[in-house]
């Protein structure tokens, strides 16, 4: 099941999705420890990376 998923979307995209998930987790942790502005700043990285992935995927 995981092997089929990796073959469908590609190994590099899987790595980038893991990076995005880790960014979200780190941002939540920082937010809950009280440093709210830094957490919001870090949280904006996730959609930026996903947008960059879409740009590279659909670029022709």
N, C-alpha and C. Protein backbone atom coordinates (compact mmCIF):
# COMPACT_ATOMS: atom_id res chain seq x y z
N UNK A 1 0.82 -1.18 0.00
CA UNK A 1 0.00 0.00 0.00
C UNK A 1 0.87 1.26 0.00
N UNK A 2 1.83 1.33 0.89
CA UNK A 2 2.71 2.50 0.93
C UNK A 2 3.58 2.55 -0.32
N UNK A 3 4.02 1.39 -0.79
CA UNK A 3 4.85 1.34 -2.00
C UNK A 3 4.08 1.87 -3.20
N UNK A 4 2.80 1.51 -3.32
CA UNK A 4 1.97 2.02 -4.42
C UNK A 4 1.79 3.53 -4.32
N UNK A 5 1.62 4.03 -3.10
CA UNK A 5 1.47 5.47 -2.90
C UNK A 5 2.73 6.21 -3.33
N UNK A 6 3.89 5.68 -2.94
CA UNK A 6 5.16 6.32 -3.30
C UNK A 6 5.36 6.28 -4.81
N UNK A 7 5.00 5.17 -5.46
CA UNK A 7 5.14 5.08 -6.91
C UNK A 7 4.22 6.04 -7.63
N UNK A 8 3.01 6.24 -7.08
CA UNK A 8 2.06 7.15 -7.73
C UNK A 8 2.49 8.60 -7.65
N UNK A 9 2.94 9.04 -6.50
CA UNK A 9 3.25 10.47 -6.37
C UNK A 9 4.74 10.78 -6.47
N UNK A 10 5.59 9.78 -6.39
CA UNK A 10 7.03 10.00 -6.51
C UNK A 10 7.70 10.10 -5.15
N UNK A 11 8.94 9.67 -5.13
CA UNK A 11 9.69 9.63 -3.87
C UNK A 11 9.96 11.03 -3.32
N UNK A 12 10.32 11.96 -4.20
CA UNK A 12 10.63 13.31 -3.74
C UNK A 12 9.40 14.01 -3.18
N UNK A 13 8.24 13.79 -3.78
CA UNK A 13 7.01 14.37 -3.25
C UNK A 13 6.67 13.78 -1.88
N UNK A 14 6.95 12.50 -1.68
CA UNK A 14 6.73 11.89 -0.36
C UNK A 14 7.63 12.55 0.68
N UNK A 15 8.86 12.80 0.32
CA UNK A 15 9.78 13.46 1.24
C UNK A 15 9.28 14.86 1.57
N UNK A 16 8.83 15.59 0.57
CA UNK A 16 8.33 16.94 0.80
C UNK A 16 7.07 16.93 1.66
N UNK A 17 6.19 15.94 1.47
CA UNK A 17 5.01 15.85 2.31
C UNK A 17 5.38 15.55 3.76
N UNK A 18 6.39 14.73 3.97
CA UNK A 18 6.86 14.47 5.34
C UNK A 18 7.44 15.74 5.97
N UNK A 19 8.14 16.53 5.16
CA UNK A 19 8.67 17.81 5.65
C UNK A 19 7.53 18.74 6.05
N UNK A 20 6.49 18.81 5.22
CA UNK A 20 5.35 19.67 5.52
C UNK A 20 4.65 19.22 6.80
N UNK A 21 4.47 17.92 6.97
CA UNK A 21 3.84 17.41 8.18
C UNK A 21 4.69 17.73 9.40
N UNK A 22 6.01 17.59 9.28
CA UNK A 22 6.88 17.91 10.42
C UNK A 22 6.85 19.40 10.73
N UNK A 23 6.76 20.25 9.72
CA UNK A 23 6.66 21.69 9.95
C UNK A 23 5.38 22.02 10.73
N UNK A 24 4.28 21.38 10.36
CA UNK A 24 3.02 21.62 11.05
C UNK A 24 3.12 21.18 12.51
N UNK A 25 3.73 20.02 12.75
CA UNK A 25 3.87 19.53 14.12
C UNK A 25 4.76 20.46 14.95
N UNK A 26 5.87 20.89 14.38
CA UNK A 26 6.77 21.81 15.10
C UNK A 26 6.07 23.13 15.38
N UNK A 27 5.32 23.62 14.41
CA UNK A 27 4.60 24.88 14.60
C UNK A 27 3.56 24.76 15.72
N UNK A 28 2.84 23.64 15.75
CA UNK A 28 1.87 23.43 16.83
C UNK A 28 2.55 23.38 18.18
N UNK A 29 3.67 22.71 18.26
CA UNK A 29 4.41 22.62 19.53
C UNK A 29 4.86 24.00 19.99
N UNK A 30 5.42 24.78 19.08
CA UNK A 30 5.88 26.12 19.44
C UNK A 30 4.70 27.00 19.85
N UNK A 31 3.57 26.86 19.16
CA UNK A 31 2.38 27.64 19.52
C UNK A 31 1.89 27.30 20.92
N UNK A 32 1.88 26.00 21.23
CA UNK A 32 1.38 25.58 22.54
C UNK A 32 2.34 25.90 23.67
N UNK A 33 3.63 26.11 23.36
CA UNK A 33 4.57 26.50 24.41
C UNK A 33 4.54 28.00 24.68
N UNK A 34 3.79 28.76 23.86
CA UNK A 34 3.58 30.15 24.17
C UNK A 34 4.20 31.15 23.22
N UNK A 35 5.02 30.71 22.29
CA UNK A 35 5.66 31.63 21.35
C UNK A 35 4.81 31.72 20.08
N UNK A 36 3.71 32.44 20.16
CA UNK A 36 2.68 32.40 19.14
C UNK A 36 3.12 33.02 17.80
N UNK A 37 3.83 34.12 17.82
CA UNK A 37 4.22 34.76 16.57
C UNK A 37 5.21 33.91 15.77
N UNK A 38 6.15 33.30 16.47
CA UNK A 38 7.09 32.41 15.77
C UNK A 38 6.37 31.20 15.20
N UNK A 39 5.39 30.68 15.91
CA UNK A 39 4.63 29.52 15.44
C UNK A 39 3.84 29.87 14.19
N UNK A 40 3.25 31.06 14.16
CA UNK A 40 2.50 31.47 12.97
C UNK A 40 3.44 31.65 11.79
N UNK A 41 4.61 32.23 12.02
CA UNK A 41 5.59 32.39 10.96
C UNK A 41 6.01 31.04 10.39
N UNK A 42 6.29 30.08 11.25
CA UNK A 42 6.70 28.75 10.80
C UNK A 42 5.54 28.04 10.10
N UNK A 43 4.32 28.26 10.56
CA UNK A 43 3.16 27.60 9.95
C UNK A 43 2.95 28.04 8.51
N UNK A 44 3.38 29.24 8.15
CA UNK A 44 3.23 29.70 6.77
C UNK A 44 4.17 28.98 5.82
N UNK A 45 5.18 28.28 6.32
CA UNK A 45 6.08 27.54 5.44
C UNK A 45 5.39 26.37 4.76
N UNK A 46 4.47 25.70 5.46
CA UNK A 46 3.82 24.50 4.91
C UNK A 46 3.05 24.81 3.62
N UNK A 47 2.14 25.78 3.59
CA UNK A 47 1.45 26.04 2.32
C UNK A 47 2.37 26.59 1.24
N UNK A 48 3.43 27.28 1.65
CA UNK A 48 4.39 27.76 0.67
C UNK A 48 5.09 26.60 -0.02
N UNK A 49 5.50 25.62 0.75
CA UNK A 49 6.16 24.44 0.17
C UNK A 49 5.18 23.67 -0.72
N UNK A 50 3.93 23.51 -0.27
CA UNK A 50 2.94 22.81 -1.09
C UNK A 50 2.66 23.56 -2.39
N UNK A 51 2.59 24.87 -2.32
CA UNK A 51 2.40 25.67 -3.53
C UNK A 51 3.57 25.54 -4.49
N UNK A 52 4.78 25.51 -3.95
CA UNK A 52 5.96 25.33 -4.78
C UNK A 52 5.97 23.95 -5.43
N UNK A 53 5.52 22.94 -4.68
CA UNK A 53 5.42 21.59 -5.25
C UNK A 53 4.42 21.57 -6.41
N UNK A 54 3.28 22.23 -6.26
CA UNK A 54 2.30 22.31 -7.34
C UNK A 54 2.86 23.05 -8.55
N UNK A 55 3.57 24.12 -8.30
CA UNK A 55 4.18 24.86 -9.41
C UNK A 55 5.13 23.98 -10.19
N UNK A 56 5.97 23.25 -9.51
CA UNK A 56 6.93 22.38 -10.22
C UNK A 56 6.24 21.23 -10.92
N UNK A 57 5.13 20.75 -10.37
CA UNK A 57 4.43 19.62 -10.97
C UNK A 57 3.74 20.03 -12.27
N UNK A 58 3.13 21.20 -12.30
CA UNK A 58 2.35 21.62 -13.45
C UNK A 58 3.09 22.54 -14.41
N UNK A 59 4.36 22.77 -14.16
CA UNK A 59 5.17 23.62 -15.04
C UNK A 59 5.44 22.87 -16.33
N UNK A 60 5.32 23.54 -17.44
CA UNK A 60 5.58 22.89 -18.74
C UNK A 60 6.43 23.74 -19.63
